[in-house]
């Protein structure tokens, strides 16, 4: 197990804590990336021959708020910052000879599942993604998924968690049919890479 602090950005002001859990063997190994609160998932992956990469991009340990003063002109929100942090992990992983850079998977649950889809859509080096129970703002279209289906819609998400998505999303609460894009197009950006979605119609 290695505990690392990645430094990047202007004058290396951005810091990101990363834990690497390396299985026995010679490698190169595929990689399973997840956030601090899903560390047990990484341990399960290590038992199957993956390198577990756990980074501080979750509510339990989040270094990404430190990116805000470093990039004051960016209007990115919490999930976008955490997605960008996952890509910084990939930057580092690709420098390691024991990593199979063609097999890097990213996963997350709930809000981290939403973030994982964003990261995979924006970074083609993430070769597989698993989004667990991420609902609206994840794989489920805002037009078809709301509080009426026992889930989260735009109104709830933007009121209770206003820092997850861009504030302009709030303009479409009750007007989901006017969205210029929806989540199926986010999934299309990941194709044809493997994308495993865990969700259910009546899953609250």
Protein backbone atom coordinates (compact mmCIF):
# COMPACT_ATOMS: atom_id res chain seq x y z
CA UNK A 1 0.00 0.00 0.00
CA UNK A 2 1.28 3.44 -0.96
CA UNK A 3 -0.05 6.76 0.25
CA UNK A 4 0.72 9.56 -2.18
CA UNK A 5 -0.05 13.26 -2.44
CA UNK A 6 -0.31 14.40 -6.05
CA UNK A 7 0.59 18.05 -6.70
CA UNK A 8 -0.44 19.81 -9.90
CA UNK A 9 -1.77 23.07 -11.32
CA UNK A 10 -0.14 26.50 -11.14
CA UNK A 11 2.87 26.34 -8.80
CA UNK A 12 1.68 22.85 -7.77
CA UNK A 13 -0.96 24.43 -5.53
CA UNK A 14 -3.53 21.67 -6.04
CA UNK A 15 -3.10 18.65 -3.76
CA UNK A 16 -4.84 15.29 -4.01
CA UNK A 17 -4.38 12.40 -1.56
CA UNK A 18 -4.27 9.01 -3.27
CA UNK A 19 -3.89 5.52 -1.87
CA UNK A 20 -2.58 2.75 -4.11
CA UNK A 21 -3.20 -0.85 -3.05
CA UNK A 22 -1.09 -3.16 -5.20
CA UNK A 23 -1.79 -6.88 -5.54
CA UNK A 24 0.87 -9.55 -5.42
CA UNK A 25 2.48 -10.39 -8.72
CA UNK A 26 4.56 -8.83 -11.42
CA UNK A 27 1.98 -6.86 -13.40
CA UNK A 28 1.19 -4.85 -15.33
CA UNK A 29 -2.14 -4.78 -13.52
CA UNK A 30 -5.51 -3.30 -14.48
CA UNK A 31 -6.67 -0.47 -12.19
CA UNK A 32 -9.88 0.06 -10.23
CA UNK A 33 -10.31 3.73 -9.23
CA UNK A 34 -12.83 4.82 -6.62
CA UNK A 35 -13.33 7.42 -3.92
CA UNK A 36 -12.39 7.42 -0.25
CA UNK A 37 -15.76 6.22 1.02
CA UNK A 38 -15.75 3.19 -1.33
CA UNK A 39 -12.37 1.85 -0.22
CA UNK A 40 -13.85 -1.60 0.46
CA UNK A 41 -14.75 -1.88 -3.21
CA UNK A 42 -11.10 -1.24 -4.06
CA UNK A 43 -10.03 -3.99 -1.67
CA UNK A 44 -12.39 -6.42 -3.41
CA UNK A 45 -10.86 -5.45 -6.75
CA UNK A 46 -7.33 -5.98 -5.39
CA UNK A 47 -8.30 -9.53 -4.42
CA UNK A 48 -9.15 -10.07 -8.10
CA UNK A 49 -5.81 -8.78 -9.39
CA UNK A 50 -6.50 -5.07 -9.84
CA UNK A 51 -4.54 -2.17 -8.42
CA UNK A 52 -6.90 -0.31 -6.11
CA UNK A 53 -6.65 3.46 -6.48
CA UNK A 54 -8.57 5.38 -3.81
CA UNK A 55 -8.62 9.17 -4.01
CA UNK A 56 -9.91 12.03 -1.87
CA UNK A 57 -12.93 12.96 -3.97
CA UNK A 58 -15.89 12.12 -1.74
CA UNK A 59 -17.85 13.64 1.11
CA UNK A 60 -15.78 11.68 3.64
CA UNK A 61 -12.47 13.07 2.31
CA UNK A 62 -12.54 15.75 -0.38
CA UNK A 63 -9.43 17.60 -1.52
CA UNK A 64 -11.15 19.12 -4.54
CA UNK A 65 -12.50 22.20 -2.74
CA UNK A 66 -8.85 23.31 -2.69
CA UNK A 67 -8.97 23.63 -6.49
CA UNK A 68 -11.39 26.59 -6.31
CA UNK A 69 -8.92 29.32 -5.24
CA UNK A 70 -6.30 27.96 -7.65
CA UNK A 71 -8.67 28.33 -10.63
CA UNK A 72 -10.85 31.33 -9.68
CA UNK A 73 -12.18 31.87 -13.21
CA UNK A 74 -13.59 28.34 -13.46
CA UNK A 75 -17.27 27.90 -12.65
CA UNK A 76 -16.96 24.16 -12.11
CA UNK A 77 -19.05 22.56 -9.40
CA UNK A 78 -18.38 19.79 -6.93
CA UNK A 79 -19.02 16.83 -9.24
CA UNK A 80 -17.00 18.39 -12.06
CA UNK A 81 -14.05 19.00 -9.72
CA UNK A 82 -14.17 15.43 -8.45
CA UNK A 83 -14.33 14.14 -12.03
CA UNK A 84 -11.27 16.23 -12.92
CA UNK A 85 -9.49 14.80 -9.87
CA UNK A 86 -10.12 11.27 -11.18
CA UNK A 87 -8.34 12.28 -14.38
CA UNK A 88 -5.38 13.53 -12.36
CA UNK A 89 -5.18 10.03 -10.86
CA UNK A 90 -5.05 8.64 -14.40
CA UNK A 91 -2.22 11.08 -15.23
CA UNK A 92 -0.20 9.60 -12.39
CA UNK A 93 -1.16 5.98 -13.03
CA UNK A 94 0.04 6.20 -16.62
CA UNK A 95 3.56 6.95 -15.38
CA UNK A 96 3.79 3.63 -13.51
CA UNK A 97 5.23 0.58 -15.33
CA UNK A 98 3.14 -1.78 -13.18
CA UNK A 99 -0.11 -0.25 -14.53
CA UNK A 100 -1.91 -1.62 -17.59
CA UNK A 101 -2.91 1.79 -18.97
CA UNK A 102 -5.38 0.21 -21.39
CA UNK A 103 -7.47 -1.19 -18.53
CA UNK A 104 -8.42 1.59 -16.12
CA UNK A 105 -11.89 1.43 -14.56
CA UNK A 106 -13.65 4.11 -12.49
CA UNK A 107 -16.61 3.58 -10.21
CA UNK A 108 -18.75 5.40 -7.69
CA UNK A 109 -22.10 5.18 -5.93
CA UNK A 110 -24.91 7.77 -5.85
CA UNK A 111 -23.35 11.23 -6.32
CA UNK A 112 -20.01 9.56 -6.97
CA UNK A 113 -21.74 7.45 -9.62
CA UNK A 114 -22.90 10.64 -11.34
CA UNK A 115 -19.36 11.99 -11.12
CA UNK A 116 -17.89 8.77 -12.54
CA UNK A 117 -20.01 9.12 -15.68
CA UNK A 118 -18.88 12.73 -16.11
CA UNK A 119 -15.23 11.74 -15.70
CA UNK A 120 -15.49 8.87 -18.20
CA UNK A 121 -17.30 11.06 -20.72
CA UNK A 122 -14.51 13.64 -20.57
CA UNK A 123 -11.49 11.32 -20.32
CA UNK A 124 -11.19 8.50 -22.85
CA UNK A 125 -8.27 7.01 -20.91
CA UNK A 126 -10.89 5.71 -18.46
CA UNK A 127 -11.64 2.51 -20.34
CA UNK A 128 -14.59 1.27 -18.24
CA UNK A 129 -17.01 2.90 -15.83
CA UNK A 130 -19.43 1.54 -13.22
CA UNK A 131 -22.16 3.91 -12.04
CA UNK A 132 -24.04 2.56 -9.03
CA UNK A 133 -27.49 3.93 -8.15
CA UNK A 134 -26.76 7.39 -9.53
CA UNK A 135 -30.27 8.19 -10.78
CA UNK A 136 -31.08 11.61 -12.22
CA UNK A 137 -27.93 13.43 -13.22
CA UNK A 138 -26.42 10.00 -13.69
CA UNK A 139 -27.75 7.61 -16.35
CA UNK A 140 -31.42 8.52 -15.90
CA UNK A 141 -32.84 11.24 -18.12
CA UNK A 142 -34.14 14.27 -16.25
CA UNK A 143 -37.19 14.26 -18.56
CA UNK A 144 -38.26 10.81 -17.35
CA UNK A 145 -36.94 10.59 -13.79
CA UNK A 146 -38.14 12.80 -10.96
CA UNK A 147 -39.72 12.82 -7.52
CA UNK A 148 -42.86 11.36 -9.13
CA UNK A 149 -40.89 8.17 -9.74
CA UNK A 150 -39.54 8.12 -6.14
CA UNK A 151 -36.23 9.54 -7.34
CA UNK A 152 -34.40 12.84 -7.47
CA UNK A 153 -35.38 15.42 -10.05
CA UNK A 154 -33.92 18.77 -10.99
CA UNK A 155 -35.97 20.62 -8.38
CA UNK A 156 -34.75 18.49 -5.49
CA UNK A 157 -31.15 18.19 -6.66
CA UNK A 158 -30.66 21.91 -7.25
CA UNK A 159 -32.36 22.88 -3.99
CA UNK A 160 -30.81 20.34 -1.61
CA UNK A 161 -27.43 19.96 -3.33
CA UNK A 162 -26.91 23.25 -5.17
CA UNK A 163 -23.15 22.75 -5.50
CA UNK A 164 -23.32 19.45 -7.41
CA UNK A 165 -24.30 20.86 -10.82
CA UNK A 166 -24.09 24.23 -12.51
CA UNK A 167 -26.61 26.74 -11.08
CA UNK A 168 -28.24 27.15 -14.51
CA UNK A 169 -29.66 23.64 -14.19
CA UNK A 170 -32.19 25.11 -11.72
CA UNK A 171 -33.77 27.06 -14.61
CA UNK A 172 -35.16 23.76 -15.93
CA UNK A 173 -36.99 22.61 -12.79
CA UNK A 174 -40.51 21.88 -14.02
CA UNK A 175 -39.34 22.55 -17.58
CA UNK A 176 -37.27 19.43 -18.12
CA UNK A 177 -38.62 19.15 -21.68
CA UNK A 178 -36.71 22.33 -22.54
CA UNK A 179 -33.29 20.97 -21.61
CA UNK A 180 -30.95 21.30 -24.61
CA UNK A 181 -29.33 17.96 -23.68
CA UNK A 182 -30.10 15.04 -21.38
CA UNK A 183 -28.28 12.17 -19.74
CA UNK A 184 -28.53 9.67 -22.60
CA UNK A 185 -26.14 11.95 -24.45
CA UNK A 186 -23.68 11.77 -21.56
CA UNK A 187 -23.75 7.98 -21.88
CA UNK A 188 -23.22 8.29 -25.64
CA UNK A 189 -19.95 10.15 -24.95
CA UNK A 190 -18.70 7.07 -23.06
CA UNK A 191 -19.58 4.61 -25.87
CA UNK A 192 -18.20 2.29 -27.10
CA UNK A 193 -16.27 1.79 -23.84
CA UNK A 194 -17.85 -0.57 -21.27
CA UNK A 195 -20.36 1.18 -19.01
CA UNK A 196 -22.14 -0.76 -16.27
CA UNK A 197 -25.19 0.99 -14.81
CA UNK A 198 -26.81 -0.24 -11.61
CA UNK A 199 -30.24 1.35 -11.16
CA UNK A 200 -33.92 0.38 -10.90
CA UNK A 201 -37.26 1.98 -11.70
CA UNK A 202 -38.51 1.84 -8.10
CA UNK A 203 -35.12 2.30 -6.41
CA UNK A 204 -35.45 5.24 -4.06
